[in-house]
Amino acid sequence: MFLTLWEFEVKPCEEKFEKAYGPAGDWARLLRSDSNYCETRLLRDSFRLAIYLTLDFWNPREAYEQFMAVYKEGYQALDAGGEELTSKERQSGWYELVDP
């Protein structure tokens, strides 16, 4: 299992952001184009209400990398549209499940 983690500081349009970046939003619809995509989760900070995390799960990492190469234009178009909703965005990391 592979996870991409993004952190966002959202402008005062939280409802629009949640709709676009949540599990049924535009981003998840694009990611579902690949059968190796598993799911998206959206988290909101309990104390800093403008801060959100997205967690996108893939299996395996190489599938995510291939998806990014194939869907680069669509990804960039969605990213550009999301700039009106956020004041900051950063990739917090790529994580892989450690097998016991």
N, C-alpha and C. Protein backbone atom coordinates (compact mmCIF):
# COMPACT_ATOMS: atom_id res chain seq x y z
N MET A 1 0.85 -1.17 0.00
CA MET A 1 0.00 0.00 0.00
C MET A 1 0.90 1.23 0.00
N PHE A 2 0.52 2.21 -0.78
CA PHE A 2 1.26 3.46 -0.92
C PHE A 2 0.30 4.62 -0.69
N LEU A 3 0.81 5.66 -0.02
CA LEU A 3 -0.01 6.82 0.35
C LEU A 3 0.68 8.11 -0.05
N THR A 4 -0.05 9.00 -0.72
CA THR A 4 0.43 10.37 -0.93
C THR A 4 -0.33 11.25 0.04
N LEU A 5 0.38 12.14 0.70
CA LEU A 5 -0.20 13.00 1.73
C LEU A 5 0.04 14.45 1.35
N TRP A 6 -1.05 15.22 1.28
CA TRP A 6 -0.98 16.64 0.95
C TRP A 6 -1.62 17.45 2.06
N GLU A 7 -1.04 18.61 2.33
CA GLU A 7 -1.60 19.54 3.33
C GLU A 7 -2.03 20.81 2.62
N PHE A 8 -3.20 21.30 2.98
CA PHE A 8 -3.77 22.51 2.37
C PHE A 8 -4.19 23.50 3.44
N GLU A 9 -3.95 24.77 3.18
CA GLU A 9 -4.57 25.84 3.95
C GLU A 9 -5.64 26.42 3.04
N VAL A 10 -6.89 26.32 3.50
CA VAL A 10 -8.03 26.63 2.66
C VAL A 10 -8.53 28.06 2.93
N LYS A 11 -8.85 28.74 1.84
CA LYS A 11 -9.46 30.07 1.95
C LYS A 11 -10.86 29.91 2.51
N PRO A 12 -11.54 30.99 2.85
CA PRO A 12 -12.90 30.87 3.41
C PRO A 12 -13.91 30.34 2.37
N CYS A 13 -13.73 29.12 1.96
CA CYS A 13 -14.64 28.44 1.03
C CYS A 13 -14.58 26.94 1.32
N GLU A 14 -14.61 26.62 2.60
CA GLU A 14 -14.40 25.24 3.04
C GLU A 14 -15.34 24.24 2.38
N GLU A 15 -16.59 24.63 2.22
CA GLU A 15 -17.56 23.71 1.63
C GLU A 15 -17.19 23.36 0.19
N LYS A 16 -16.77 24.34 -0.59
CA LYS A 16 -16.33 24.08 -1.96
C LYS A 16 -15.09 23.19 -1.98
N PHE A 17 -14.16 23.48 -1.07
CA PHE A 17 -12.94 22.67 -1.00
C PHE A 17 -13.28 21.22 -0.65
N GLU A 18 -14.11 21.02 0.35
CA GLU A 18 -14.48 19.67 0.78
C GLU A 18 -15.17 18.91 -0.35
N LYS A 19 -15.98 19.60 -1.12
CA LYS A 19 -16.67 18.95 -2.23
C LYS A 19 -15.67 18.54 -3.31
N ALA A 20 -14.71 19.40 -3.61
CA ALA A 20 -13.74 19.13 -4.69
C ALA A 20 -12.69 18.09 -4.28
N TYR A 21 -12.26 18.13 -3.02
CA TYR A 21 -11.13 17.30 -2.58
C TYR A 21 -11.54 16.08 -1.77
N GLY A 22 -12.81 15.93 -1.47
CA GLY A 22 -13.28 14.79 -0.69
C GLY A 22 -13.36 13.51 -1.52
N PRO A 23 -13.76 12.41 -0.90
CA PRO A 23 -13.79 11.10 -1.55
C PRO A 23 -14.69 11.01 -2.78
N ALA A 24 -15.66 11.90 -2.92
CA ALA A 24 -16.54 11.89 -4.08
C ALA A 24 -16.27 13.08 -5.00
N GLY A 25 -15.19 13.81 -4.75
CA GLY A 25 -14.91 15.03 -5.48
C GLY A 25 -14.17 14.83 -6.80
N ASP A 26 -13.84 15.96 -7.40
CA ASP A 26 -13.18 15.97 -8.71
C ASP A 26 -11.86 15.20 -8.70
N TRP A 27 -11.09 15.38 -7.63
CA TRP A 27 -9.79 14.70 -7.56
C TRP A 27 -9.97 13.19 -7.53
N ALA A 28 -10.84 12.72 -6.67
CA ALA A 28 -11.05 11.27 -6.55
C ALA A 28 -11.59 10.70 -7.85
N ARG A 29 -12.44 11.45 -8.56
CA ARG A 29 -12.95 10.96 -9.84
C ARG A 29 -11.81 10.78 -10.84
N LEU A 30 -10.87 11.74 -10.86
CA LEU A 30 -9.73 11.60 -11.75
C LEU A 30 -8.87 10.39 -11.35
N LEU A 31 -8.60 10.25 -10.07
CA LEU A 31 -7.75 9.16 -9.61
C LEU A 31 -8.38 7.80 -9.88
N ARG A 32 -9.71 7.73 -9.82
CA ARG A 32 -10.41 6.46 -10.08
C ARG A 32 -10.24 6.00 -11.52
N SER A 33 -9.66 6.83 -12.38
CA SER A 33 -9.38 6.41 -13.76
C SER A 33 -8.39 5.25 -13.79
N ASP A 34 -7.69 5.04 -12.71
CA ASP A 34 -6.69 3.98 -12.62
C ASP A 34 -7.17 2.90 -11.65
N SER A 35 -7.12 1.66 -12.09
CA SER A 35 -7.61 0.55 -11.26
C SER A 35 -6.74 0.30 -10.03
N ASN A 36 -5.54 0.87 -9.97
CA ASN A 36 -4.66 0.69 -8.82
C ASN A 36 -4.89 1.72 -7.72
N TYR A 37 -5.73 2.70 -8.00
CA TYR A 37 -6.11 3.68 -6.98
C TYR A 37 -7.08 2.99 -6.03
N CYS A 38 -6.90 3.20 -4.73
CA CYS A 38 -7.75 2.55 -3.73
C CYS A 38 -8.81 3.49 -3.16
N GLU A 39 -8.38 4.63 -2.62
CA GLU A 39 -9.33 5.55 -2.01
C GLU A 39 -8.66 6.87 -1.65
N THR A 40 -9.51 7.87 -1.39
CA THR A 40 -9.08 9.18 -0.89
C THR A 40 -9.79 9.44 0.43
N ARG A 41 -9.04 9.98 1.37
CA ARG A 41 -9.63 10.42 2.63
C ARG A 41 -9.28 11.89 2.82
N LEU A 42 -10.22 12.64 3.37
CA LEU A 42 -10.02 14.06 3.63
C LEU A 42 -10.15 14.29 5.13
N LEU A 43 -9.12 14.91 5.72
CA LEU A 43 -9.11 15.20 7.15
C LEU A 43 -9.05 16.70 7.37
N ARG A 44 -9.73 17.17 8.41
CA ARG A 44 -9.69 18.58 8.78
C ARG A 44 -9.10 18.70 10.17
N ASP A 45 -8.18 19.63 10.34
CA ASP A 45 -7.55 19.86 11.64
C ASP A 45 -8.61 20.36 12.63
N SER A 46 -8.64 19.78 13.79
CA SER A 46 -9.65 20.14 14.80
C SER A 46 -9.39 21.49 15.45
N PHE A 47 -8.16 21.97 15.39
CA PHE A 47 -7.82 23.22 16.06
C PHE A 47 -7.52 24.36 15.08
N ARG A 48 -6.99 24.02 13.94
CA ARG A 48 -6.71 25.00 12.89
C ARG A 48 -7.67 24.68 11.75
N LEU A 49 -8.86 25.24 11.79
CA LEU A 49 -9.96 24.81 10.93
C LEU A 49 -9.72 25.02 9.45
N ALA A 50 -8.77 25.84 9.08
CA ALA A 50 -8.49 26.06 7.66
C ALA A 50 -7.49 25.04 7.11
N ILE A 51 -6.99 24.14 7.95
CA ILE A 51 -5.98 23.17 7.53
C ILE A 51 -6.62 21.81 7.27
N TYR A 52 -6.32 21.27 6.10
CA TYR A 52 -6.84 19.97 5.68
C TYR A 52 -5.68 19.09 5.22
N LEU A 53 -5.90 17.79 5.30
CA LEU A 53 -4.99 16.80 4.72
C LEU A 53 -5.79 15.94 3.76
N THR A 54 -5.18 15.62 2.63
CA THR A 54 -5.74 14.58 1.76
C THR A 54 -4.80 13.39 1.79
N LEU A 55 -5.39 12.21 1.85
CA LEU A 55 -4.64 10.96 1.85
C LEU A 55 -5.16 10.15 0.67
N ASP A 56 -4.29 9.91 -0.30
CA ASP A 56 -4.65 9.11 -1.47
C ASP A 56 -3.90 7.80 -1.41
N PHE A 57 -4.64 6.71 -1.43
CA PHE A 57 -4.08 5.37 -1.29
C PHE A 57 -4.00 4.67 -2.64
N TRP A 58 -2.84 4.06 -2.89
CA TRP A 58 -2.56 3.37 -4.14
C TRP A 58 -1.94 2.01 -3.83
N ASN A 59 -1.97 1.15 -4.84
CA ASN A 59 -1.33 -0.14 -4.71
C ASN A 59 -0.76 -0.55 -6.05
N PRO A 60 0.50 -0.50 -6.27
CA PRO A 60 1.64 -0.06 -5.48
C PRO A 60 2.07 1.36 -5.87
N ARG A 61 3.21 1.81 -5.33
CA ARG A 61 3.74 3.14 -5.62
C ARG A 61 3.97 3.33 -7.11
N GLU A 62 4.47 2.33 -7.76
CA GLU A 62 4.76 2.43 -9.20
C GLU A 62 3.50 2.75 -10.00
N ALA A 63 2.36 2.27 -9.56
CA ALA A 63 1.10 2.58 -10.25
C ALA A 63 0.78 4.07 -10.14
N TYR A 64 1.03 4.63 -8.96
CA TYR A 64 0.83 6.08 -8.78
C TYR A 64 1.74 6.86 -9.72
N GLU A 65 3.00 6.47 -9.78
CA GLU A 65 3.95 7.17 -10.65
C GLU A 65 3.54 7.07 -12.11
N GLN A 66 3.07 5.91 -12.52
CA GLN A 66 2.62 5.74 -13.90
C GLN A 66 1.37 6.59 -14.15
N PHE A 67 0.45 6.60 -13.21
CA PHE A 67 -0.75 7.43 -13.33
C PHE A 67 -0.35 8.90 -13.53
N MET A 68 0.58 9.37 -12.74
CA MET A 68 1.00 10.77 -12.83
C MET A 68 1.59 11.08 -14.20
N ALA A 69 2.28 10.15 -14.79
CA ALA A 69 2.85 10.36 -16.12
C ALA A 69 1.76 10.38 -17.19
N VAL A 70 0.80 9.48 -17.09
CA VAL A 70 -0.26 9.36 -18.10
C VAL A 70 -1.28 10.50 -17.99
N TYR A 71 -1.65 10.86 -16.76
CA TYR A 71 -2.72 11.85 -16.54
C TYR A 71 -2.18 13.22 -16.13
N LYS A 72 -0.97 13.52 -16.52
CA LYS A 72 -0.30 14.75 -16.11
C LYS A 72 -1.13 16.00 -16.45
N GLU A 73 -1.66 16.08 -17.66
CA GLU A 73 -2.42 17.27 -18.08
C GLU A 73 -3.70 17.43 -17.28
N GLY A 74 -4.44 16.36 -17.10
CA GLY A 74 -5.67 16.43 -16.31
C GLY A 74 -5.39 16.80 -14.87
N TYR A 75 -4.32 16.26 -14.32
CA TYR A 75 -3.91 16.55 -12.95
C TYR A 75 -3.56 18.03 -12.82
N GLN A 76 -2.78 18.55 -13.77
CA GLN A 76 -2.38 19.95 -13.72
C GLN A 76 -3.58 20.88 -13.88
N ALA A 77 -4.54 20.52 -14.70
CA ALA A 77 -5.74 21.34 -14.88
C ALA A 77 -6.55 21.42 -13.59
N LEU A 78 -6.73 20.28 -12.92
CA LEU A 78 -7.45 20.29 -11.64
C LEU A 78 -6.68 21.08 -10.59
N ASP A 79 -5.37 20.92 -10.57
CA ASP A 79 -4.54 21.63 -9.61
C ASP A 79 -4.66 23.14 -9.80
N ALA A 80 -4.65 23.59 -11.04
CA ALA A 80 -4.77 25.02 -11.33
C ALA A 80 -6.13 25.54 -10.86
N GLY A 81 -7.19 24.77 -11.07
CA GLY A 81 -8.52 25.17 -10.62
C GLY A 81 -8.63 25.22 -9.11
N GLY A 82 -7.87 24.37 -8.42
CA GLY A 82 -7.91 24.34 -6.96
C GLY A 82 -7.20 25.50 -6.30
N GLU A 83 -6.39 26.22 -7.06
CA GLU A 83 -5.65 27.35 -6.49
C GLU A 83 -6.57 28.46 -5.97
N GLU A 84 -7.75 28.57 -6.53
CA GLU A 84 -8.69 29.59 -6.05
C GLU A 84 -9.27 29.23 -4.68
N LEU A 85 -9.13 27.96 -4.28
CA LEU A 85 -9.69 27.50 -3.01
C LEU A 85 -8.67 27.49 -1.87
N THR A 86 -7.39 27.54 -2.21
CA THR A 86 -6.36 27.38 -1.19
C THR A 86 -5.37 28.55 -1.19
N SER A 87 -4.81 28.82 -0.01
CA SER A 87 -3.76 29.82 0.08
C SER A 87 -2.38 29.16 0.16
N LYS A 88 -2.33 27.91 0.61
CA LYS A 88 -1.08 27.14 0.66
C LYS A 88 -1.38 25.69 0.35
N GLU A 89 -0.40 25.05 -0.27
CA GLU A 89 -0.50 23.62 -0.58
C GLU A 89 0.91 23.05 -0.55
N ARG A 90 1.05 21.91 0.10
CA ARG A 90 2.36 21.27 0.08
C ARG A 90 2.20 19.76 0.19
N GLN A 91 3.07 19.07 -0.53
CA GLN A 91 3.08 17.63 -0.43
C GLN A 91 3.85 17.28 0.84
N SER A 92 3.17 16.64 1.77
CA SER A 92 3.79 16.29 3.05
C SER A 92 4.62 15.03 2.98
N GLY A 93 4.34 14.18 2.00
CA GLY A 93 5.16 12.99 1.88
C GLY A 93 4.53 11.89 1.09
N TRP A 94 5.37 10.90 0.80
CA TRP A 94 4.98 9.64 0.20
C TRP A 94 5.31 8.57 1.23
N TYR A 95 4.36 7.72 1.49
CA TYR A 95 4.53 6.70 2.52
C TYR A 95 4.16 5.34 1.97
N GLU A 96 4.92 4.34 2.41
CA GLU A 96 4.63 2.96 2.05
C GLU A 96 4.38 2.15 3.31
N LEU A 97 3.42 1.24 3.23
CA LEU A 97 3.09 0.37 4.35
C LEU A 97 4.27 -0.52 4.67
N VAL A 98 4.60 -0.61 5.94
CA VAL A 98 5.67 -1.49 6.39
C VAL A 98 5.02 -2.83 6.76
N ASP A 99 5.43 -3.87 6.07
CA ASP A 99 4.90 -5.18 6.36
C ASP A 99 5.45 -5.70 7.68
N PRO A 100 4.59 -6.33 8.50
CA PRO A 100 5.06 -6.85 9.80
C PRO A 100 6.01 -8.02 9.63
